[in-house]
Amino acid sequence: MNQKLYLSVFLVALIIGLMAALQFRTTNFIEQGVPLGRSQELSVDLNQLNAEKKQLETEVKDLTQKIQQTTKGQASGRQDAYPTLAKEVLVGELKKARLGAGLTAVSGPGIEITLDNPSAEQNKGLEDTMFAIRDEDLLHLVNELNGAGAEAVSINGQRILATSEIRWAAPFINVNLTRIAPPYHILTIGSPKNLTSALEISGGLAEYLQSLGAKVKIQPYENLTVPGYTAPIEFRYAKPTKGE
């Protein structure tokens, strides 16, 4: 009888001890707050949202000013002034459209990323498993940059658009139907801090490529120039929707 009583007391004490330990670990985890990696991601997202907000506010202000100018031209009754104002507005909208489409060179703060394959010494004796930067690595890089708020990206002088292809054509990579080879120089306009953080985050793309032996260099600049897209753009099948 005593043995059963002792055993019951022991089991109850063991359960209480486990519950207390679990409660302590849960409380300790909560007190630690958000992990560093997640904190960096949230910081990048917040900065991107703030940048988008500022851009939208600037566009609203610009459009409001143009509407006021056009209305003023109509109210003045000067037939010679109104066509001039209308033309200026159209030219301004055309420039903005070309800028958004990536057809013009742009300058601003950003970073330059240099990617290169491992040296011959690094891959010595590993010819069958030699690592080389592939098209999917460049695609991943462009996605990371866009997610961090990149406003313009080029790879070896080729401007990246929504219609740009980045595909493997062994032993080269084609971008905009143009053959490129390592080292790859990627120019990006945006917040240098946000762009660098997105790539150098713990477990991020830079660390991954370096672990495979690739050479990765990230250099921030206060001002750099990303070239515009120069090849002709043709739409053979896509047509504007009626009413747009």
Protein backbone atom coordinates (compact mmCIF):
# COMPACT_ATOMS: atom_id res chain seq x y z
CA MET A 1 0.00 0.00 0.00
CA ASN A 2 2.80 2.40 0.93
CA GLN A 3 4.61 1.59 -2.30
CA LYS A 4 1.52 2.51 -4.35
CA LEU A 5 1.16 5.73 -2.38
CA TYR A 6 4.83 6.62 -2.88
CA LEU A 7 4.57 5.79 -6.57
CA SER A 8 1.48 8.00 -6.96
CA VAL A 9 3.17 10.88 -5.15
CA PHE A 10 6.28 10.43 -7.31
CA LEU A 11 4.25 10.51 -10.56
CA VAL A 12 2.32 13.61 -9.45
CA ALA A 13 5.59 15.35 -8.51
CA LEU A 14 7.14 14.36 -11.85
CA ILE A 15 4.18 15.74 -13.83
CA ILE A 16 4.23 18.99 -11.85
CA GLY A 17 7.98 19.30 -12.45
CA LEU A 18 7.58 18.76 -16.20
CA MET A 19 4.77 21.33 -16.36
CA ALA A 20 6.87 23.86 -14.47
CA ALA A 21 9.84 23.27 -16.77
CA LEU A 22 7.63 23.66 -19.86
CA GLN A 23 6.13 26.88 -18.47
CA PHE A 24 9.63 28.24 -17.79
CA ARG A 25 10.83 27.44 -21.33
CA THR A 26 7.70 29.02 -22.88
CA THR A 27 8.08 32.17 -20.80
CA ASN A 28 11.78 32.34 -21.60
CA PHE A 29 11.06 31.99 -25.34
CA ILE A 30 8.44 34.75 -25.24
CA GLU A 31 10.82 37.06 -23.37
CA GLN A 32 13.43 36.57 -26.06
CA GLY A 33 11.14 38.35 -28.54
CA VAL A 34 11.31 38.10 -32.31
CA PRO A 35 14.34 36.21 -33.72
CA LEU A 36 17.05 38.37 -35.29
CA GLY A 37 16.50 37.01 -38.80
CA ARG A 38 12.76 37.64 -38.67
CA SER A 39 13.37 41.09 -37.23
CA GLN A 40 15.58 41.95 -40.20
CA GLU A 41 12.92 40.71 -42.63
CA LEU A 42 10.23 42.81 -40.93
CA SER A 43 12.54 45.82 -41.02
CA VAL A 44 13.08 45.38 -44.77
CA ASP A 45 9.32 45.03 -45.36
CA LEU A 46 8.61 48.16 -43.30
CA ASN A 47 11.19 50.21 -45.20
CA GLN A 48 9.76 48.99 -48.50
CA LEU A 49 6.20 49.95 -47.49
CA ASN A 50 7.39 53.39 -46.40
CA ALA A 51 9.15 53.86 -49.73
CA GLU A 52 6.03 52.82 -51.64
CA LYS A 53 3.94 55.22 -49.55
CA LYS A 54 6.27 58.12 -50.34
CA GLN A 55 6.21 57.23 -54.04
CA LEU A 56 2.41 57.17 -54.11
CA GLU A 57 2.23 60.49 -52.28
CA THR A 58 4.61 62.00 -54.85
CA GLU A 59 2.50 60.68 -57.74
CA VAL A 60 -0.70 62.06 -56.20
CA LYS A 61 0.94 65.46 -55.76
CA ASP A 62 2.26 65.41 -59.33
CA LEU A 63 -1.10 64.45 -60.85
CA THR A 64 -2.94 67.01 -58.73
CA GLN A 65 -0.58 69.73 -59.96
CA LYS A 66 -1.09 68.69 -63.58
CA ILE A 67 -4.87 68.73 -63.18
CA GLN A 68 -4.68 72.21 -61.71
CA GLN A 69 -2.49 73.39 -64.59
CA THR A 70 -4.88 71.95 -67.19
CA THR A 71 -7.93 73.42 -65.44
CA LYS A 72 -6.20 76.80 -65.24
CA GLY A 73 -5.44 76.64 -68.94
CA GLN A 74 -9.10 75.92 -69.74
CA ALA A 75 -10.38 78.69 -67.49
CA SER A 76 -8.05 81.29 -68.95
CA GLY A 77 -9.74 80.97 -72.31
CA ARG A 78 -6.45 81.35 -74.14
CA GLN A 79 -6.68 78.97 -77.06
CA ASP A 80 -2.93 79.08 -77.62
CA ALA A 81 -2.04 78.22 -74.00
CA TYR A 82 -4.26 75.17 -73.58
CA PRO A 83 -2.69 73.02 -76.35
CA THR A 84 0.76 73.83 -74.96
CA LEU A 85 -0.23 72.76 -71.46
CA ALA A 86 -1.88 69.61 -72.80
CA LYS A 87 1.25 68.76 -74.77
CA GLU A 88 3.46 69.28 -71.70
CA VAL A 89 1.23 67.00 -69.65
CA LEU A 90 1.31 64.31 -72.34
CA VAL A 91 5.09 64.54 -72.70
CA GLY A 92 5.46 64.30 -68.93
CA GLU A 93 3.21 61.21 -68.80
CA LEU A 94 5.15 59.64 -71.68
CA LYS A 95 8.45 60.16 -69.87
CA LYS A 96 6.97 58.64 -66.72
CA ALA A 97 5.66 55.66 -68.70
CA ARG A 98 9.06 55.08 -70.32
CA LEU A 99 10.70 55.34 -66.91
CA GLY A 100 8.31 52.81 -65.39
CA ALA A 101 8.77 50.48 -68.36
CA GLY A 102 12.54 50.51 -67.93
CA LEU A 103 13.23 52.05 -71.35
CA THR A 104 15.42 54.88 -70.05
CA ALA A 105 18.67 54.89 -68.09
CA VAL A 106 18.21 55.88 -64.45
CA SER A 107 20.59 57.02 -61.73
CA GLY A 108 20.42 56.97 -57.97
CA PRO A 109 21.73 55.27 -54.82
CA GLY A 110 22.08 51.51 -54.89
CA ILE A 111 24.50 48.59 -54.85
CA GLU A 112 26.68 46.65 -57.24
CA ILE A 113 26.81 42.88 -56.81
CA THR A 114 29.61 40.88 -58.38
CA LEU A 115 29.15 37.13 -58.71
CA ASP A 116 31.82 34.79 -60.01
CA ASN A 117 32.36 31.06 -60.16
CA PRO A 118 34.86 29.36 -57.82
CA SER A 119 38.48 29.47 -58.92
CA ALA A 120 40.21 26.46 -60.45
CA GLU A 121 42.07 25.82 -57.17
CA GLN A 122 38.82 25.76 -55.22
CA ASN A 123 37.38 23.12 -57.55
CA LYS A 124 40.62 21.17 -57.97
CA GLY A 125 39.84 17.48 -57.98
CA LEU A 126 36.09 18.17 -58.00
CA GLU A 127 35.51 18.41 -61.75
CA ASP A 128 32.46 16.14 -61.60
CA THR A 129 30.77 18.27 -58.93
CA MET A 130 32.12 21.68 -59.91
CA PHE A 131 29.72 24.45 -58.92
CA ALA A 132 28.86 27.15 -61.41
CA ILE A 133 26.41 30.00 -61.11
CA ARG A 134 23.25 29.08 -63.01
CA ASP A 135 20.25 30.94 -64.38
CA GLU A 136 18.14 30.03 -61.33
CA ASP A 137 20.73 31.71 -59.08
CA LEU A 138 20.39 34.97 -61.02
CA LEU A 139 16.60 34.65 -60.99
CA HIS A 140 16.66 34.15 -57.23
CA LEU A 141 18.89 37.20 -56.89
CA VAL A 142 16.57 39.41 -58.95
CA ASN A 143 13.57 38.25 -56.88
CA GLU A 144 15.37 39.06 -53.64
CA LEU A 145 16.29 42.52 -54.92
CA ASN A 146 12.76 43.25 -56.10
CA GLY A 147 11.41 42.10 -52.75
CA ALA A 148 13.77 44.53 -51.02
CA GLY A 149 12.51 47.50 -53.02
CA ALA A 150 14.79 47.57 -56.06
CA GLU A 151 13.60 50.17 -58.59
CA ALA A 152 15.91 49.17 -61.44
CA VAL A 153 18.13 46.11 -62.05
CA SER A 154 20.61 45.24 -64.78
CA ILE A 155 22.86 42.22 -65.30
CA ASN A 156 26.02 42.75 -67.34
CA GLY A 157 24.44 45.79 -68.98
CA GLN A 158 21.09 44.11 -69.70
CA ARG A 159 18.13 45.90 -68.09
CA ILE A 160 15.70 43.52 -66.42
CA LEU A 161 12.05 44.04 -67.40
CA ALA A 162 8.89 42.09 -66.70
CA THR A 163 9.39 40.35 -70.06
CA SER A 164 13.12 39.66 -69.63
CA GLU A 165 14.21 36.04 -69.76
CA ILE A 166 17.08 34.65 -67.71
CA ARG A 167 17.72 31.13 -68.93
CA TRP A 168 20.49 28.60 -69.18
CA ALA A 169 22.02 28.11 -72.64
CA ALA A 170 25.03 26.01 -71.68
CA PRO A 171 27.69 26.99 -71.10
CA PHE A 172 26.31 30.54 -71.00
CA ILE A 173 23.27 32.36 -69.64
CA ASN A 174 20.98 34.37 -71.90
CA VAL A 175 19.42 37.62 -70.70
CA ASN A 176 17.19 39.53 -73.14
CA LEU A 177 18.40 37.10 -75.82
CA THR A 178 21.97 38.28 -75.14
CA ARG A 179 24.70 35.88 -74.05
CA ILE A 180 26.42 36.82 -70.79
CA ALA A 181 29.24 35.13 -68.93
CA PRO A 182 30.84 35.41 -65.48
CA PRO A 183 31.77 37.47 -63.65
CA TYR A 184 28.23 38.80 -63.40
CA HIS A 185 27.85 42.47 -62.49
CA ILE A 186 24.40 43.31 -61.17
CA LEU A 187 23.55 47.01 -60.75
CA THR A 188 20.55 47.86 -58.59
CA ILE A 189 18.99 51.18 -57.65
CA GLY A 190 17.26 51.37 -54.29
CA SER A 191 18.07 51.77 -50.62
CA PRO A 192 21.64 50.40 -50.28
CA LYS A 193 20.94 49.40 -46.68
CA ASN A 194 17.74 47.48 -47.48
CA LEU A 195 19.18 45.79 -50.56
CA THR A 196 22.34 44.71 -48.73
CA SER A 197 20.41 43.46 -45.70
CA ALA A 198 18.12 41.35 -47.90
CA LEU A 199 21.11 39.56 -49.45
CA GLU A 200 23.33 39.29 -46.37
CA ILE A 201 20.63 38.16 -43.96
CA SER A 202 21.59 35.02 -42.04
CA GLY A 203 20.88 32.02 -44.27
CA GLY A 204 20.27 34.33 -47.22
CA LEU A 205 21.34 34.12 -50.84
CA ALA A 206 24.84 35.56 -50.36
CA GLU A 207 25.66 33.08 -47.59
CA TYR A 208 24.24 30.21 -49.66
CA LEU A 209 26.30 31.02 -52.75
CA GLN A 210 29.45 31.55 -50.69
CA SER A 211 28.95 28.16 -49.03
CA LEU A 212 29.07 26.61 -52.52
CA GLY A 213 32.33 28.40 -53.29
CA ALA A 214 31.00 31.27 -55.39
CA LYS A 215 32.61 34.68 -55.05
CA VAL A 216 30.13 37.29 -53.84
CA LYS A 217 30.93 40.98 -53.46
CA ILE A 218 28.41 43.67 -52.54
CA GLN A 219 29.41 47.32 -52.90
CA PRO A 220 27.06 50.21 -51.96
CA TYR A 221 27.12 53.47 -53.93
CA GLU A 222 25.61 56.88 -53.32
CA ASN A 223 24.99 57.17 -57.05
CA LEU A 224 25.16 54.68 -59.91
CA THR A 225 23.53 54.38 -63.32
CA VAL A 226 21.46 51.47 -64.56
CA PRO A 227 21.11 51.38 -68.38
CA GLY A 228 17.74 51.34 -70.07
CA TYR A 229 16.34 48.55 -72.21
CA THR A 230 17.33 49.20 -75.83
CA ALA A 231 15.88 46.31 -77.85
CA PRO A 232 12.53 46.84 -79.62
CA ILE A 233 9.39 45.68 -77.78
CA GLU A 234 6.71 44.08 -79.93
CA PHE A 235 3.23 42.91 -78.95
CA ARG A 236 1.87 40.52 -81.57
CA TYR A 237 -0.90 38.96 -79.53
CA ALA A 238 -1.61 41.28 -76.57
CA LYS A 239 -4.10 44.05 -77.39
CA PRO A 240 -5.51 46.84 -75.19
CA THR A 241 -8.83 45.96 -73.59
CA LYS A 242 -11.77 47.95 -74.91
CA GLY A 243 -12.61 50.89 -72.71
CA GLU A 244 -9.09 51.13 -71.22
